[in-house]
């Protein structure tokens, strides 16, 4: 999939969630709230993006603005360039 209209194609990097022992009894279906941001690998970007992007770099973006598309059994993650917080240069 080639992103268009200032969108970035990303792949979220999943972090393993640790199960903590707690002295407080919580419901069995309780899940810890997710962070308001996502760390992802940049796979591709639209030709009309206004910033310079590097394919393969690690980026941080706003979680609620991450769009998930399922097309022909494959999942794609797109985000508008404006919702990118920054790039992690490790």
C-alpha atoms as a PDB file:
ATOM      1  CA  UNK A   1       0.000   0.000   0.000  1.00  0.00           C
ATOM      2  CA  UNK A   2       1.341   3.408  -0.960  1.00  0.00           C
ATOM      3  CA  UNK A   3       0.139   6.181   1.394  1.00  0.00           C
ATOM      4  CA  UNK A   4      -1.204   9.391  -0.139  1.00  0.00           C
ATOM      5  CA  UNK A   5      -2.414  12.806   1.038  1.00  0.00           C
ATOM      6  CA  UNK A   6       0.323  13.422   3.660  1.00  0.00           C
ATOM      7  CA  UNK A   7      -0.190  10.062   5.400  1.00  0.00           C
ATOM      8  CA  UNK A   8       2.501   7.813   6.856  1.00  0.00           C
ATOM      9  CA  UNK A   9       2.372   4.022   6.729  1.00  0.00           C
ATOM     10  CA  UNK A  10       3.631   2.663  10.052  1.00  0.00           C
ATOM     11  CA  UNK A  11       3.930  -0.623  11.931  1.00  0.00           C
ATOM     12  CA  UNK A  12       3.316  -0.257  15.690  1.00  0.00           C
ATOM     13  CA  UNK A  13       6.002  -1.795  17.871  1.00  0.00           C
ATOM     14  CA  UNK A  14       4.234  -3.849  20.503  1.00  0.00           C
ATOM     15  CA  UNK A  15       5.593  -3.741  24.015  1.00  0.00           C
ATOM     16  CA  UNK A  16       5.074  -6.692  26.283  1.00  0.00           C
ATOM     17  CA  UNK A  17       2.879  -5.870  29.231  1.00  0.00           C
ATOM     18  CA  UNK A  18       4.036  -7.190  32.562  1.00  0.00           C
ATOM     19  CA  UNK A  19       1.559  -8.777  34.905  1.00  0.00           C
ATOM     20  CA  UNK A  20       2.106  -7.373  38.356  1.00  0.00           C
ATOM     21  CA  UNK A  21       1.130  -8.994  41.590  1.00  0.00           C
ATOM     22  CA  UNK A  22      -1.201  -6.678  43.461  1.00  0.00           C
ATOM     23  CA  UNK A  23      -2.601  -6.630  46.948  1.00  0.00           C
ATOM     24  CA  UNK A  24      -5.675  -4.869  45.554  1.00  0.00           C
ATOM     25  CA  UNK A  25      -8.270  -7.187  44.083  1.00  0.00           C
ATOM     26  CA  UNK A  26      -9.197  -6.103  40.551  1.00  0.00           C
ATOM     27  CA  UNK A  27     -11.811  -7.524  38.185  1.00  0.00           C
ATOM     28  CA  UNK A  28     -10.483 -10.314  35.979  1.00  0.00           C
ATOM     29  CA  UNK A  29     -11.151  -8.309  32.813  1.00  0.00           C
ATOM     30  CA  UNK A  30      -9.317  -5.183  34.058  1.00  0.00           C
ATOM     31  CA  UNK A  31      -6.598  -3.882  31.767  1.00  0.00           C
ATOM     32  CA  UNK A  32      -4.171  -1.113  32.542  1.00  0.00           C
ATOM     33  CA  UNK A  33      -4.922   2.043  30.500  1.00  0.00           C
ATOM     34  CA  UNK A  34      -2.877   2.416  27.319  1.00  0.00           C
ATOM     35  CA  UNK A  35      -0.371   5.232  26.887  1.00  0.00           C
ATOM     36  CA  UNK A  36      -1.615   8.193  24.796  1.00  0.00           C
ATOM     37  CA  UNK A  37       1.186   7.582  22.304  1.00  0.00           C
ATOM     38  CA  UNK A  38       2.452   4.707  20.138  1.00  0.00           C
ATOM     39  CA  UNK A  39       6.004   3.862  19.107  1.00  0.00           C
ATOM     40  CA  UNK A  40       6.112   2.594  15.514  1.00  0.00           C
ATOM     41  CA  UNK A  41       8.421   1.817  12.618  1.00  0.00           C
ATOM     42  CA  UNK A  42       7.971   4.059   9.577  1.00  0.00           C
ATOM     43  CA  UNK A  43       7.365   1.854   6.515  1.00  0.00           C
ATOM     44  CA  UNK A  44       6.484   4.444   3.850  1.00  0.00           C
ATOM     45  CA  UNK A  45       5.186   7.984   3.424  1.00  0.00           C
ATOM     46  CA  UNK A  46       3.188  10.001   0.910  1.00  0.00           C
ATOM     47  CA  UNK A  47       5.118  11.957  -1.724  1.00  0.00           C
ATOM     48  CA  UNK A  48       3.450  15.211  -0.631  1.00  0.00           C
ATOM     49  CA  UNK A  49       4.672  15.078   3.009  1.00  0.00           C
ATOM     50  CA  UNK A  50       6.116  18.396   4.130  1.00  0.00           C
ATOM     51  CA  UNK A  51       8.837  17.016   6.415  1.00  0.00           C
ATOM     52  CA  UNK A  52      11.783  14.796   5.579  1.00  0.00           C
ATOM     53  CA  UNK A  53      11.146  11.220   6.665  1.00  0.00           C
ATOM     54  CA  UNK A  54      13.424   8.202   6.749  1.00  0.00           C
ATOM     55  CA  UNK A  55      11.919   4.787   6.011  1.00  0.00           C
ATOM     56  CA  UNK A  56      12.846   2.364   8.790  1.00  0.00           C
ATOM     57  CA  UNK A  57      13.096   5.016  11.484  1.00  0.00           C
ATOM     58  CA  UNK A  58      11.289   4.715  14.806  1.00  0.00           C
ATOM     59  CA  UNK A  59       8.611   7.352  15.342  1.00  0.00           C
ATOM     60  CA  UNK A  60       6.268   8.363  18.152  1.00  0.00           C
ATOM     61  CA  UNK A  61       2.686   9.258  17.275  1.00  0.00           C
ATOM     62  CA  UNK A  62      -0.640  10.026  18.879  1.00  0.00           C
ATOM     63  CA  UNK A  63      -2.509   6.748  19.586  1.00  0.00           C
ATOM     64  CA  UNK A  64      -6.031   8.066  18.974  1.00  0.00           C
ATOM     65  CA  UNK A  65      -5.060   9.293  15.498  1.00  0.00           C
ATOM     66  CA  UNK A  66      -3.718   5.917  14.314  1.00  0.00           C
ATOM     67  CA  UNK A  67      -6.055   4.555  11.630  1.00  0.00           C
ATOM     68  CA  UNK A  68      -6.291   0.790  11.192  1.00  0.00           C
ATOM     69  CA  UNK A  69      -7.349  -0.511   7.782  1.00  0.00           C
ATOM     70  CA  UNK A  70      -8.024  -4.189   7.070  1.00  0.00           C
ATOM     71  CA  UNK A  71      -7.929  -4.859   3.341  1.00  0.00           C
ATOM     72  CA  UNK A  72      -7.919  -8.357   1.789  1.00  0.00           C
ATOM     73  CA  UNK A  73      -6.935  -9.938   5.109  1.00  0.00           C
ATOM     74  CA  UNK A  74      -3.962  -7.618   5.649  1.00  0.00           C
ATOM     75  CA  UNK A  75      -3.772  -4.864   8.293  1.00  0.00           C
ATOM     76  CA  UNK A  76      -2.332  -1.434   7.526  1.00  0.00           C
ATOM     77  CA  UNK A  77      -1.712   1.403   9.977  1.00  0.00           C
ATOM     78  CA  UNK A  78      -1.854   4.983   8.709  1.00  0.00           C
ATOM     79  CA  UNK A  79      -1.435   8.299  10.478  1.00  0.00           C
ATOM     80  CA  UNK A  80      -1.554  11.835   9.157  1.00  0.00           C
ATOM     81  CA  UNK A  81       1.858  13.510   9.210  1.00  0.00           C
ATOM     82  CA  UNK A  82       0.576  16.225  11.620  1.00  0.00           C
ATOM     83  CA  UNK A  83       0.058  13.663  14.400  1.00  0.00           C
ATOM     84  CA  UNK A  84       3.664  12.576  14.527  1.00  0.00           C
ATOM     85  CA  UNK A  85       5.286  13.672  17.801  1.00  0.00           C
ATOM     86  CA  UNK A  86       8.827  12.953  16.693  1.00  0.00           C
ATOM     87  CA  UNK A  87      11.489  10.489  15.596  1.00  0.00           C
ATOM     88  CA  UNK A  88      13.665   8.421  17.936  1.00  0.00           C
ATOM     89  CA  UNK A  89      17.241   8.288  16.692  1.00  0.00           C
ATOM     90  CA  UNK A  90      18.721   5.374  18.572  1.00  0.00           C
END
